[in-house]
Protein backbone atom coordinates (compact mmCIF):
# COMPACT_ATOMS: atom_id res chain seq x y z
CA GLY A 1 69.62 185.77 -12.49
CA MET A 2 65.99 186.22 -13.41
CA ILE A 3 66.60 188.90 -16.04
CA ALA A 4 69.22 186.79 -17.80
CA ASP A 5 66.90 183.78 -17.76
CA LEU A 6 64.05 185.80 -19.27
CA LYS A 7 66.32 187.08 -22.03
CA ASP A 8 67.42 183.51 -22.81
CA MET A 9 63.87 182.14 -23.11
CA PRO A 10 62.57 181.24 -26.57
CA GLU A 11 60.18 183.80 -28.02
CA GLY A 12 56.55 183.05 -27.25
CA SER A 13 57.32 181.22 -24.00
CA ILE A 14 54.87 181.34 -21.10
CA VAL A 15 56.32 182.93 -17.95
CA LEU A 16 54.80 182.11 -14.57
CA LEU A 17 55.06 185.09 -12.20
CA HIS A 18 53.88 185.60 -8.64
CA ALA A 19 51.88 188.81 -8.47
CA CYS A 20 52.89 189.56 -4.87
CA ALA A 21 54.19 187.93 -1.68
CA HIS A 22 56.38 185.50 -3.61
CA ASN A 23 56.14 181.96 -2.30
CA PRO A 24 58.46 180.70 -0.88
CA THR A 25 61.04 183.51 -0.78
CA GLY A 26 58.86 186.45 0.34
CA MET A 27 60.99 188.71 -1.86
CA ASP A 28 59.05 190.72 -4.44
CA PRO A 29 60.49 192.84 -7.26
CA THR A 30 60.13 196.60 -6.87
CA LEU A 31 57.85 198.42 -9.32
CA GLU A 32 60.98 199.55 -11.18
CA GLN A 33 62.13 195.93 -11.46
CA TRP A 34 58.64 194.84 -12.55
CA LYS A 35 58.85 197.44 -15.34
CA GLN A 36 62.12 195.91 -16.48
CA ILE A 37 60.52 192.45 -16.45
CA SER A 38 57.55 193.79 -18.40
CA ASP A 39 59.77 195.35 -21.06
CA ILE A 40 61.72 192.11 -21.55
CA CYS A 41 58.51 190.07 -21.81
CA LYS A 42 57.29 192.55 -24.43
CA SER A 43 60.49 192.48 -26.47
CA LYS A 44 60.65 188.67 -26.40
CA SER A 45 56.90 188.19 -27.01
CA LEU A 46 56.66 186.22 -23.79
CA PHE A 47 53.23 185.42 -22.37
CA PRO A 48 52.92 186.50 -18.70
CA PHE A 49 50.87 184.14 -16.54
CA PHE A 50 50.35 185.63 -13.08
CA ASP A 51 49.61 183.63 -9.94
CA SER A 52 47.88 185.86 -7.39
CA ALA A 53 47.23 183.92 -4.19
CA TYR A 54 48.08 186.47 -1.49
CA GLN A 55 46.65 189.80 -2.63
CA GLY A 56 46.35 192.04 0.43
CA PHE A 57 48.80 189.98 2.49
CA ALA A 58 52.00 191.44 1.01
CA SER A 59 51.80 195.19 1.61
CA GLY A 60 48.50 195.01 3.47
CA ASN A 61 46.84 196.93 0.63
CA SER A 62 45.16 194.92 -2.11
CA ASN A 63 45.47 197.77 -4.62
CA THR A 64 49.20 198.06 -4.00
CA ASP A 65 49.56 194.29 -4.28
CA ALA A 66 47.89 194.41 -7.71
CA GLY A 67 50.45 196.93 -8.96
CA ALA A 68 52.52 194.52 -11.07
CA VAL A 69 49.50 192.96 -12.78
CA ARG A 70 47.97 196.35 -13.59
CA MET A 71 51.32 197.56 -14.94
CA PHE A 72 51.51 194.63 -17.35
CA VAL A 73 47.95 195.31 -18.55
CA GLU A 74 48.74 199.00 -19.07
CA ASP A 75 51.89 198.01 -20.97
CA GLY A 76 49.68 196.19 -23.47
CA HIS A 77 50.46 192.56 -22.67
CA TYR A 78 48.10 189.78 -23.67
CA MET A 79 48.25 187.70 -20.51
CA ALA A 80 46.46 185.55 -17.98
CA MET A 81 46.08 185.55 -14.22
CA VAL A 82 44.82 182.99 -11.75
CA GLN A 83 43.55 184.31 -8.43
CA SER A 84 42.92 182.42 -5.24
CA PHE A 85 40.61 183.76 -2.54
CA SER A 86 41.41 180.89 -0.18
CA LYS A 87 43.81 182.86 2.02
CA ASN A 88 42.69 186.48 1.90
CA PHE A 89 39.02 185.56 2.39
CA GLY A 90 39.62 182.70 4.81
CA LEU A 91 37.97 180.22 2.43
CA TYR A 92 40.67 177.58 2.25
CA GLY A 93 38.16 174.74 2.26
CA GLN A 94 36.27 176.23 -0.68
CA ARG A 95 39.26 176.56 -3.07
CA VAL A 96 37.54 179.50 -4.73
CA GLY A 97 39.34 181.59 -7.31
CA ALA A 98 39.20 183.08 -10.78
CA LEU A 99 40.97 182.87 -14.12
CA SER A 100 41.27 186.12 -16.08
CA VAL A 101 42.64 186.41 -19.61
CA VAL A 102 43.52 189.62 -21.45
CA THR A 103 43.04 189.15 -25.19
CA GLU A 104 43.54 191.24 -28.31
CA SER A 105 39.84 191.50 -29.16
CA GLU A 106 36.35 190.53 -28.11
CA GLU A 107 36.36 187.87 -30.81
CA GLU A 108 39.55 186.34 -29.43
CA ALA A 109 38.08 186.45 -25.92
CA LYS A 110 35.15 184.34 -27.13
CA ARG A 111 37.51 181.78 -28.65
CA VAL A 112 39.57 181.61 -25.46
CA GLN A 113 36.43 181.18 -23.37
CA SER A 114 35.29 178.37 -25.66
CA GLN A 115 38.61 176.55 -25.21
CA ILE A 116 38.50 176.99 -21.43
CA LYS A 117 35.01 175.51 -21.31
CA MET A 118 36.25 172.48 -23.22
CA VAL A 119 38.97 171.96 -20.61
CA ILE A 120 36.83 172.38 -17.50
CA ARG A 121 33.78 170.47 -18.71
CA PRO A 122 35.30 166.97 -18.26
CA MET A 123 37.19 168.05 -15.10
CA TYR A 124 34.51 169.51 -12.85
CA SER A 125 31.83 171.00 -15.09
CA ASN A 126 30.06 173.08 -12.42
CA PRO A 127 31.98 173.96 -9.24
CA PRO A 128 30.28 174.63 -5.88
CA ARG A 129 28.95 178.18 -5.68
CA HIS A 130 29.27 178.83 -1.96
CA GLY A 131 32.77 180.32 -1.93
CA ALA A 132 32.25 182.39 -5.06
CA ARG A 133 28.99 183.81 -3.71
CA LEU A 134 30.69 184.80 -0.45
CA VAL A 135 33.51 186.59 -2.28
CA SER A 136 31.19 188.39 -4.72
CA THR A 137 28.86 189.44 -1.88
CA ILE A 138 31.76 191.02 0.02
CA LEU A 139 33.37 192.73 -2.97
CA ASP A 140 30.06 194.09 -4.29
CA ASP A 141 29.05 195.64 -0.95
CA PRO A 142 30.91 198.92 -0.16
CA LYS A 143 30.81 198.40 3.62
CA LEU A 144 31.86 194.75 3.48
CA HIS A 145 34.54 195.56 0.92
CA SER A 146 35.93 198.25 3.20
CA ASP A 147 35.93 195.83 6.14
CA PHE A 148 37.77 193.28 4.02
CA LEU A 149 40.51 195.78 3.16
CA VAL A 150 40.95 196.72 6.82
CA GLN A 151 41.13 193.07 7.87
CA CYS A 152 43.76 192.30 5.21
CA GLN A 153 45.84 195.18 6.55
CA ASP A 154 45.41 193.84 10.09
CA MET A 155 46.59 190.40 9.00
CA ALA A 156 49.60 191.76 7.11
CA ASP A 157 50.53 193.92 10.11
CA ARG A 158 50.24 190.94 12.48
CA ILE A 159 52.48 188.81 10.28
CA GLY A 160 54.97 191.68 10.10
CA THR A 161 54.94 191.95 13.89
CA MET A 162 55.64 188.22 14.19
CA ARG A 163 58.57 188.54 11.80
CA VAL A 164 60.12 191.17 14.04
CA ALA A 165 59.38 189.09 17.15
CA LEU A 166 60.87 185.90 15.70
CA ARG A 167 64.04 187.63 14.62
CA SER A 168 64.34 189.37 17.99
CA LYS A 169 63.87 186.12 19.91
CA LEU A 170 66.54 184.38 17.83
CA GLU A 171 68.98 187.20 18.49
CA GLU A 172 68.12 187.24 22.21
CA LYS A 173 68.90 183.52 22.42
CA GLY A 174 72.42 184.22 21.24
CA SER A 175 72.18 183.04 17.67
CA THR A 176 75.23 184.15 15.73
CA LYS A 177 73.48 183.76 12.38
CA ASN A 178 72.11 186.73 10.45
CA TRP A 179 68.30 186.56 10.55
CA GLU A 180 67.76 189.87 8.77
CA HIS A 181 66.08 188.10 5.88
CA ILE A 182 63.11 187.20 8.10
CA THR A 183 62.14 190.86 8.48
CA LYS A 184 63.07 191.78 4.91
CA GLN A 185 60.69 189.23 3.45
CA ILE A 186 56.94 189.82 3.17
CA GLY A 187 53.80 187.72 2.94
CA MET A 188 52.71 184.58 4.70
CA PHE A 189 55.99 182.67 4.48
CA ALA A 190 59.59 183.03 5.61
CA PHE A 191 62.34 181.30 3.68
CA SER A 192 64.36 180.56 6.80
CA GLY A 193 67.55 179.13 5.34
CA LEU A 194 67.24 175.94 7.40
CA THR A 195 68.59 172.84 5.70
CA LYS A 196 66.59 169.66 5.15
CA ASP A 197 68.43 167.93 8.01
CA GLN A 198 67.75 170.84 10.36
CA VAL A 199 64.06 170.83 9.42
CA VAL A 200 63.81 167.09 10.14
CA THR A 201 65.59 167.51 13.49
CA MET A 202 63.28 170.37 14.43
CA ARG A 203 60.28 168.24 13.52
CA GLU A 204 61.44 165.23 15.52
CA ASN A 205 62.77 167.03 18.59
CA PHE A 206 60.45 170.03 18.88
CA HIS A 207 57.40 169.10 16.79
CA VAL A 208 57.71 172.37 14.87
CA TYR A 209 56.83 171.74 11.25
CA CYS A 210 57.74 173.42 7.98
CA THR A 211 58.52 172.29 4.45
CA LEU A 212 61.82 170.51 3.88
CA ASP A 213 63.27 173.53 2.05
CA GLY A 214 62.95 175.56 5.27
CA ARG A 215 59.85 177.56 4.37
CA LEU A 216 58.05 178.64 7.56
CA SER A 217 54.42 179.70 7.72
CA MET A 218 54.58 183.07 9.46
CA ALA A 219 50.80 183.03 9.70
CA GLY A 220 51.20 180.14 12.16
CA VAL A 221 53.59 182.05 14.41
CA THR A 222 51.80 183.78 17.28
CA SER A 223 52.69 185.75 20.40
CA GLY A 224 51.99 182.56 22.32
CA ASN A 225 54.40 180.30 20.44
CA VAL A 226 57.05 182.61 18.95
CA ASP A 227 59.51 182.00 21.80
CA TYR A 228 59.21 178.21 21.43
CA VAL A 229 59.55 178.42 17.64
CA ALA A 230 62.65 180.62 18.01
CA GLU A 231 64.13 178.19 20.52
CA ALA A 232 63.57 175.28 18.14
CA ILE A 233 65.16 177.13 15.20
CA HIS A 234 68.09 178.23 17.36
CA GLU A 235 68.78 174.74 18.70
CA VAL A 236 68.89 173.10 15.28
CA SER A 237 70.84 175.90 13.55
CA LYS A 238 73.55 176.76 16.08
């Protein structure tokens, strides 16, 4: 498992971790499990590199969803995190995000920043500002920030409701498979368990699309199409 793999990694390795709403499984460690992961990373001198693309869409609370990252900082890790605001701010076309690095000292931070500038200069030099300005405007304004938090909760709740509806529809259609994992998972995606062949059949016969490993976008499931999606999944999996 994950713990055994971490213990077997060479000292100084970089470990990529999803901060919340793990993609594609939708299964996040508990805070107790995160603490265990943190302790192993510390003892092995591993470098945590967090990917945070769905903050606010896991629990519905962006502060709760930042719990693992904040724990690692409090535990004294030198680490990095990439954030995407494409999903939680509805700015997918802007590809706006941020890279944060926790260093040992201000002097080290300056050296890291210098190296980052050397990397980005030949790649894109100066990115468009539109998305970043929108995000900073919302986060810096108390009223807009509050609205953002409420809307993230609304989105997480809606996705949760669709999880329950999809599972219920599958069970109503007589599926003998256990679909409990759909409601146990969190975030935008459901790791359905469909095989590659079943996904292709569903695509060709029902025009319902997901990745070949069976990952469904729960954000694309609505009250208007959940019955059809359930029917498609049932037909190819029975």
